[in-house]
Amino acid sequence: MTIGSTSNKTQGLPVASAATGPAVTPANTRSSGEAAAVASTEPSAQVALSSTAASLRSGSTSPVEFDSAKVERISQAIENGDFKIDAGAIADKLIANAAELLNKSTPES
């Protein structure tokens, strides 16, 4: 099923190739003054990170440990059909995370 003319399907679409570089669109053809004005605008949103995200972002001093043996045990258990999911532990972590988020979002008086 064809809707509309096939001759104008690509008309107006930006074109880029390795030889020509990035596609030119109205959004990226601003003058340097316009680009500077856009870059210097005030941020309109504020983001609050959880303590876990903040510690990850700050690059905590403790090195990240990777237990390849544990990964292998879990992989084998999944392959064998022996992997047991602890729904209670997952629920506890979700509730703790939600409580942390709710505590952070309440305005302090």
C-alpha atoms as a PDB file:
ATOM      1  CA  MET A   1       0.000   0.000   0.000  1.00  0.00           C
ATOM      2  CA  THR A   2       1.429   3.376  -0.991  1.00  0.00           C
ATOM      3  CA  ILE A   3       0.262   6.631   0.475  1.00  0.00           C
ATOM      4  CA  GLY A   4       1.279   9.855  -1.197  1.00  0.00           C
ATOM      5  CA  SER A   5       3.849  10.506  -3.860  1.00  0.00           C
ATOM      6  CA  THR A   6       7.164   8.682  -3.714  1.00  0.00           C
ATOM      7  CA  SER A   7       9.006  11.552  -5.410  1.00  0.00           C
ATOM      8  CA  ASN A   8       8.943  13.815  -2.345  1.00  0.00           C
ATOM      9  CA  LYS A   9       9.723  11.240   0.366  1.00  0.00           C
ATOM     10  CA  THR A  10      13.288  12.520   0.933  1.00  0.00           C
ATOM     11  CA  GLN A  11      12.672  16.171   0.179  1.00  0.00           C
ATOM     12  CA  GLY A  12      13.699  18.381   3.076  1.00  0.00           C
ATOM     13  CA  LEU A  13      15.483  15.622   5.021  1.00  0.00           C
ATOM     14  CA  PRO A  14      19.070  16.312   6.121  1.00  0.00           C
ATOM     15  CA  VAL A  15      21.718  14.308   4.320  1.00  0.00           C
ATOM     16  CA  ALA A  16      25.085  13.375   5.757  1.00  0.00           C
ATOM     17  CA  SER A  17      27.921  11.160   4.666  1.00  0.00           C
ATOM     18  CA  ALA A  18      31.466  10.502   5.759  1.00  0.00           C
ATOM     19  CA  ALA A  19      32.700  12.767   2.958  1.00  0.00           C
ATOM     20  CA  THR A  20      30.394  15.711   3.643  1.00  0.00           C
ATOM     21  CA  GLY A  21      30.345  15.599   7.445  1.00  0.00           C
ATOM     22  CA  PRO A  22      27.293  16.061   9.694  1.00  0.00           C
ATOM     23  CA  ALA A  23      23.888  16.790   8.262  1.00  0.00           C
ATOM     24  CA  VAL A  24      22.907  20.438   8.102  1.00  0.00           C
ATOM     25  CA  THR A  25      19.533  21.087   9.675  1.00  0.00           C
ATOM     26  CA  PRO A  26      17.852  24.289  10.833  1.00  0.00           C
ATOM     27  CA  ALA A  27      18.695  23.325  14.437  1.00  0.00           C
ATOM     28  CA  ASN A  28      22.457  23.216  13.861  1.00  0.00           C
ATOM     29  CA  THR A  29      22.840  26.233  11.556  1.00  0.00           C
ATOM     30  CA  ARG A  30      22.741  28.887  14.295  1.00  0.00           C
ATOM     31  CA  SER A  31      25.222  31.721  14.209  1.00  0.00           C
ATOM     32  CA  SER A  32      27.881  31.747  16.910  1.00  0.00           C
ATOM     33  CA  GLY A  33      26.021  34.543  18.726  1.00  0.00           C
ATOM     34  CA  GLU A  34      22.785  32.554  18.744  1.00  0.00           C
ATOM     35  CA  ALA A  35      24.628  29.458  19.967  1.00  0.00           C
ATOM     36  CA  ALA A  36      26.237  31.425  22.799  1.00  0.00           C
ATOM     37  CA  ALA A  37      22.852  32.853  23.810  1.00  0.00           C
ATOM     38  CA  VAL A  38      21.346  29.371  23.923  1.00  0.00           C
ATOM     39  CA  ALA A  39      24.298  28.001  25.913  1.00  0.00           C
ATOM     40  CA  SER A  40      24.139  30.776  28.512  1.00  0.00           C
ATOM     41  CA  THR A  41      20.465  30.371  29.435  1.00  0.00           C
ATOM     42  CA  GLU A  42      19.530  29.487  32.989  1.00  0.00           C
ATOM     43  CA  PRO A  43      18.758  25.803  33.679  1.00  0.00           C
ATOM     44  CA  SER A  44      15.037  25.198  34.025  1.00  0.00           C
ATOM     45  CA  ALA A  45      15.129  21.945  35.976  1.00  0.00           C
ATOM     46  CA  GLN A  46      16.777  20.758  39.143  1.00  0.00           C
ATOM     47  CA  VAL A  47      17.866  17.191  39.690  1.00  0.00           C
ATOM     48  CA  ALA A  48      18.377  15.556  43.082  1.00  0.00           C
ATOM     49  CA  LEU A  49      20.507  12.428  43.172  1.00  0.00           C
ATOM     50  CA  SER A  50      19.933   9.610  45.623  1.00  0.00           C
ATOM     51  CA  SER A  51      22.769   8.896  48.022  1.00  0.00           C
ATOM     52  CA  THR A  52      23.681   5.821  45.983  1.00  0.00           C
ATOM     53  CA  ALA A  53      23.810   7.792  42.733  1.00  0.00           C
ATOM     54  CA  ALA A  54      25.777  10.574  44.404  1.00  0.00           C
ATOM     55  CA  SER A  55      28.366   8.113  45.717  1.00  0.00           C
ATOM     56  CA  LEU A  56      28.654   6.504  42.286  1.00  0.00           C
ATOM     57  CA  ARG A  57      29.039   9.893  40.624  1.00  0.00           C
ATOM     58  CA  SER A  58      31.639  11.112  43.107  1.00  0.00           C
ATOM     59  CA  GLY A  59      33.811   8.088  42.459  1.00  0.00           C
ATOM     60  CA  SER A  60      33.857   6.682  45.953  1.00  0.00           C
ATOM     61  CA  THR A  61      37.249   5.779  47.355  1.00  0.00           C
ATOM     62  CA  SER A  62      36.450   2.088  47.677  1.00  0.00           C
ATOM     63  CA  PRO A  63      37.447   0.152  44.569  1.00  0.00           C
ATOM     64  CA  VAL A  64      34.728  -1.618  42.649  1.00  0.00           C
ATOM     65  CA  GLU A  65      34.951  -5.326  43.295  1.00  0.00           C
ATOM     66  CA  PHE A  66      33.938  -7.814  40.634  1.00  0.00           C
ATOM     67  CA  ASP A  67      33.427 -11.383  41.770  1.00  0.00           C
ATOM     68  CA  SER A  68      33.765 -13.401  38.589  1.00  0.00           C
ATOM     69  CA  ALA A  69      33.284 -16.667  40.508  1.00  0.00           C
ATOM     70  CA  LYS A  70      29.916 -15.429  41.801  1.00  0.00           C
ATOM     71  CA  VAL A  71      28.880 -14.430  38.285  1.00  0.00           C
ATOM     72  CA  GLU A  72      29.850 -17.874  37.031  1.00  0.00           C
ATOM     73  CA  ARG A  73      27.871 -19.599  39.839  1.00  0.00           C
ATOM     74  CA  ILE A  74      24.782 -17.528  39.057  1.00  0.00           C
ATOM     75  CA  SER A  75      25.155 -18.161  35.319  1.00  0.00           C
ATOM     76  CA  GLN A  76      25.389 -21.885  35.911  1.00  0.00           C
ATOM     77  CA  ALA A  77      22.363 -21.853  38.234  1.00  0.00           C
ATOM     78  CA  ILE A  78      20.325 -19.994  35.609  1.00  0.00           C
ATOM     79  CA  GLU A  79      21.404 -22.428  32.874  1.00  0.00           C
ATOM     80  CA  ASN A  80      20.550 -25.425  35.087  1.00  0.00           C
ATOM     81  CA  GLY A  81      17.213 -23.946  36.144  1.00  0.00           C
ATOM     82  CA  ASP A  82      18.313 -23.897  39.784  1.00  0.00           C
ATOM     83  CA  PHE A  83      18.431 -20.122  40.267  1.00  0.00           C
ATOM     84  CA  LYS A  84      16.026 -19.046  42.995  1.00  0.00           C
ATOM     85  CA  ILE A  85      14.724 -15.484  43.140  1.00  0.00           C
ATOM     86  CA  ASP A  86      14.213 -14.047  46.612  1.00  0.00           C
ATOM     87  CA  ALA A  87      11.107 -11.919  46.057  1.00  0.00           C
ATOM     88  CA  GLY A  88      11.178 -10.725  49.656  1.00  0.00           C
ATOM     89  CA  ALA A  89      14.706  -9.326  49.320  1.00  0.00           C
ATOM     90  CA  ILE A  90      13.780  -7.591  46.052  1.00  0.00           C
ATOM     91  CA  ALA A  91      10.647  -6.109  47.644  1.00  0.00           C
ATOM     92  CA  ASP A  92      12.647  -4.888  50.651  1.00  0.00           C
ATOM     93  CA  LYS A  93      15.176  -3.124  48.393  1.00  0.00           C
ATOM     94  CA  LEU A  94      12.398  -1.532  46.303  1.00  0.00           C
ATOM     95  CA  ILE A  95      10.624  -0.271  49.429  1.00  0.00           C
ATOM     96  CA  ALA A  96      13.876   1.111  50.860  1.00  0.00           C
ATOM     97  CA  ASN A  97      14.639   2.863  47.574  1.00  0.00           C
ATOM     98  CA  ALA A  98      11.127   4.336  47.386  1.00  0.00           C
ATOM     99  CA  ALA A  99      11.350   5.516  51.015  1.00  0.00           C
ATOM    100  CA  GLU A 100      14.679   7.196  50.278  1.00  0.00           C
ATOM    101  CA  LEU A 101      13.207   8.940  47.232  1.00  0.00           C
ATOM    102  CA  LEU A 102      10.136  10.067  49.167  1.00  0.00           C
ATOM    103  CA  ASN A 103      12.266  11.431  52.018  1.00  0.00           C
ATOM    104  CA  LYS A 104      14.364  13.402  49.548  1.00  0.00           C
ATOM    105  CA  SER A 105      11.332  14.876  47.749  1.00  0.00           C
ATOM    106  CA  THR A 106       9.567  16.245  50.840  1.00  0.00           C
ATOM    107  CA  PRO A 107      10.286  19.943  51.349  1.00  0.00           C
ATOM    108  CA  GLU A 108      12.167  20.792  54.508  1.00  0.00           C
ATOM    109  CA  SER A 109      10.483  23.350  56.768  1.00  0.00           C
END
